[in-house]
Amino acid sequence: MELNFISGHISHNEIAALLENCSRRKVEKIIMPMEVMRHVWKNKEEIPEDLKGKSVVPDDFWLLVKGMQGLGRFWRPPGQVHNDLFTNVKTMTFERCLENTFGSQ
């Protein structure tokens, strides 16, 4: 059984812009070529040094998921989204999370 709530679709650039606005600090974006993700997919032990250990999930999986999200290709099929079944549940958007962290702008 699976239960999934989506709080919205937002790009990494939009998240960076929100973070800059809320924190009033510049966000450094690290952009990698697609070839890095493809190479790591084929050679899981060859994670770039600056990416190793950045997550509790395996490094190759983290890189793949972040790469897919960064490309805008990570979407859940409608059958895996259950927001409409529980209309009283409020999801946490990135904007609301950042406002809670840094204060409302």
Protein backbone atom coordinates (compact mmCIF):
# COMPACT_ATOMS: atom_id res chain seq x y z
CA MET A 1 0.00 0.00 0.00
CA GLU A 2 1.24 3.46 -0.81
CA LEU A 3 0.11 6.88 0.40
CA ASN A 4 1.66 9.93 -1.21
CA PHE A 5 0.98 13.65 -0.86
CA ILE A 6 2.52 16.16 -3.22
CA SER A 7 3.09 19.69 -1.99
CA GLY A 8 3.74 21.11 -5.44
CA HIS A 9 6.02 20.97 -8.44
CA ILE A 10 8.90 23.38 -8.24
CA SER A 11 12.21 23.57 -10.06
CA HIS A 12 15.61 23.77 -8.39
CA ASN A 13 15.97 27.30 -9.80
CA GLU A 14 12.67 28.30 -8.18
CA ILE A 15 13.79 26.80 -4.87
CA ALA A 16 17.08 28.72 -5.10
CA ALA A 17 15.23 31.97 -5.83
CA LEU A 18 12.89 31.43 -2.86
CA LEU A 19 15.82 30.63 -0.60
CA GLU A 20 17.70 33.76 -1.73
CA ASN A 21 14.60 35.87 -1.15
CA CYS A 22 13.82 34.43 2.29
CA SER A 23 17.39 34.22 3.61
CA ARG A 24 18.63 37.37 1.85
CA ARG A 25 21.78 35.46 0.92
CA LYS A 26 23.14 34.28 -2.42
CA VAL A 27 22.62 30.59 -3.21
CA GLU A 28 25.47 28.78 -4.89
CA LYS A 29 24.17 26.31 -7.47
CA ILE A 30 26.41 23.46 -8.52
CA ILE A 31 25.46 22.31 -12.00
CA MET A 32 26.90 19.13 -13.41
CA PRO A 33 26.80 17.84 -16.94
CA MET A 34 24.38 15.00 -17.69
CA GLU A 35 27.40 12.85 -18.50
CA VAL A 36 28.30 12.71 -14.78
CA MET A 37 24.91 11.18 -13.93
CA ARG A 38 25.15 8.75 -16.84
CA HIS A 39 28.72 7.77 -15.93
CA VAL A 40 27.83 7.12 -12.28
CA TRP A 41 24.79 5.09 -13.34
CA LYS A 42 27.15 2.73 -15.19
CA ASN A 43 30.03 2.96 -12.67
CA LYS A 44 28.48 3.27 -9.22
CA GLU A 45 31.84 3.31 -7.44
CA GLU A 46 33.02 6.41 -9.33
CA ILE A 47 31.03 9.09 -7.50
CA PRO A 48 32.81 12.47 -7.70
CA GLU A 49 34.63 13.14 -4.40
CA ASP A 50 32.69 16.34 -3.68
CA LEU A 51 29.39 14.39 -3.78
CA LYS A 52 30.32 11.43 -1.59
CA GLY A 53 28.43 11.08 1.66
CA LYS A 54 26.02 13.98 1.08
CA SER A 55 22.95 11.91 1.97
CA VAL A 56 21.83 8.98 4.10
CA VAL A 57 20.83 7.17 0.89
CA PRO A 58 23.46 5.57 -1.36
CA ASP A 59 25.49 8.15 -3.30
CA ASP A 60 24.62 6.79 -6.76
CA PHE A 61 20.88 6.86 -5.97
CA TRP A 62 21.13 10.41 -4.56
CA LEU A 63 22.88 11.60 -7.71
CA LEU A 64 20.32 9.91 -9.97
CA VAL A 65 17.32 11.35 -8.09
CA LYS A 66 18.82 14.85 -7.91
CA GLY A 67 19.70 14.65 -11.58
CA MET A 68 16.18 13.61 -12.55
CA GLN A 69 14.66 16.32 -10.36
CA GLY A 70 17.04 18.91 -11.78
CA LEU A 71 16.01 17.95 -15.29
CA GLY A 72 12.33 18.25 -14.38
CA ARG A 73 11.72 14.58 -15.22
CA PHE A 74 10.70 13.35 -11.78
CA TRP A 75 6.88 13.24 -11.71
CA ARG A 76 4.64 10.84 -9.86
CA PRO A 77 1.88 9.20 -11.89
CA PRO A 78 -1.63 10.46 -11.00
CA GLY A 79 -2.48 7.09 -9.43
CA GLN A 80 0.29 7.61 -6.87
CA VAL A 81 -0.95 11.02 -5.71
CA HIS A 82 -3.58 11.02 -2.97
CA ASN A 83 -4.08 14.68 -2.09
CA ASP A 84 -7.69 14.59 -3.29
CA LEU A 85 -8.61 11.77 -0.89
CA PHE A 86 -7.73 13.80 2.20
CA THR A 87 -8.76 17.39 1.49
CA ASN A 88 -8.23 18.45 5.13
CA VAL A 89 -4.48 17.62 4.96
CA LYS A 90 -2.31 20.68 4.37
CA THR A 91 0.95 19.96 2.62
CA MET A 92 4.15 21.85 3.32
CA THR A 93 5.25 23.82 0.27
CA PHE A 94 8.84 25.00 -0.12
CA GLU A 95 7.66 28.57 0.20
CA ARG A 96 5.84 27.90 3.49
CA CYS A 97 8.81 25.90 4.82
CA LEU A 98 11.25 28.72 4.03
CA GLU A 99 8.89 31.34 5.47
CA ASN A 100 8.67 29.27 8.68
CA THR A 101 12.45 29.06 8.78
CA PHE A 102 13.36 32.66 7.87
CA GLY A 103 10.15 34.55 8.60
CA SER A 104 7.52 35.84 6.23
CA GLN A 105 8.66 38.30 3.61
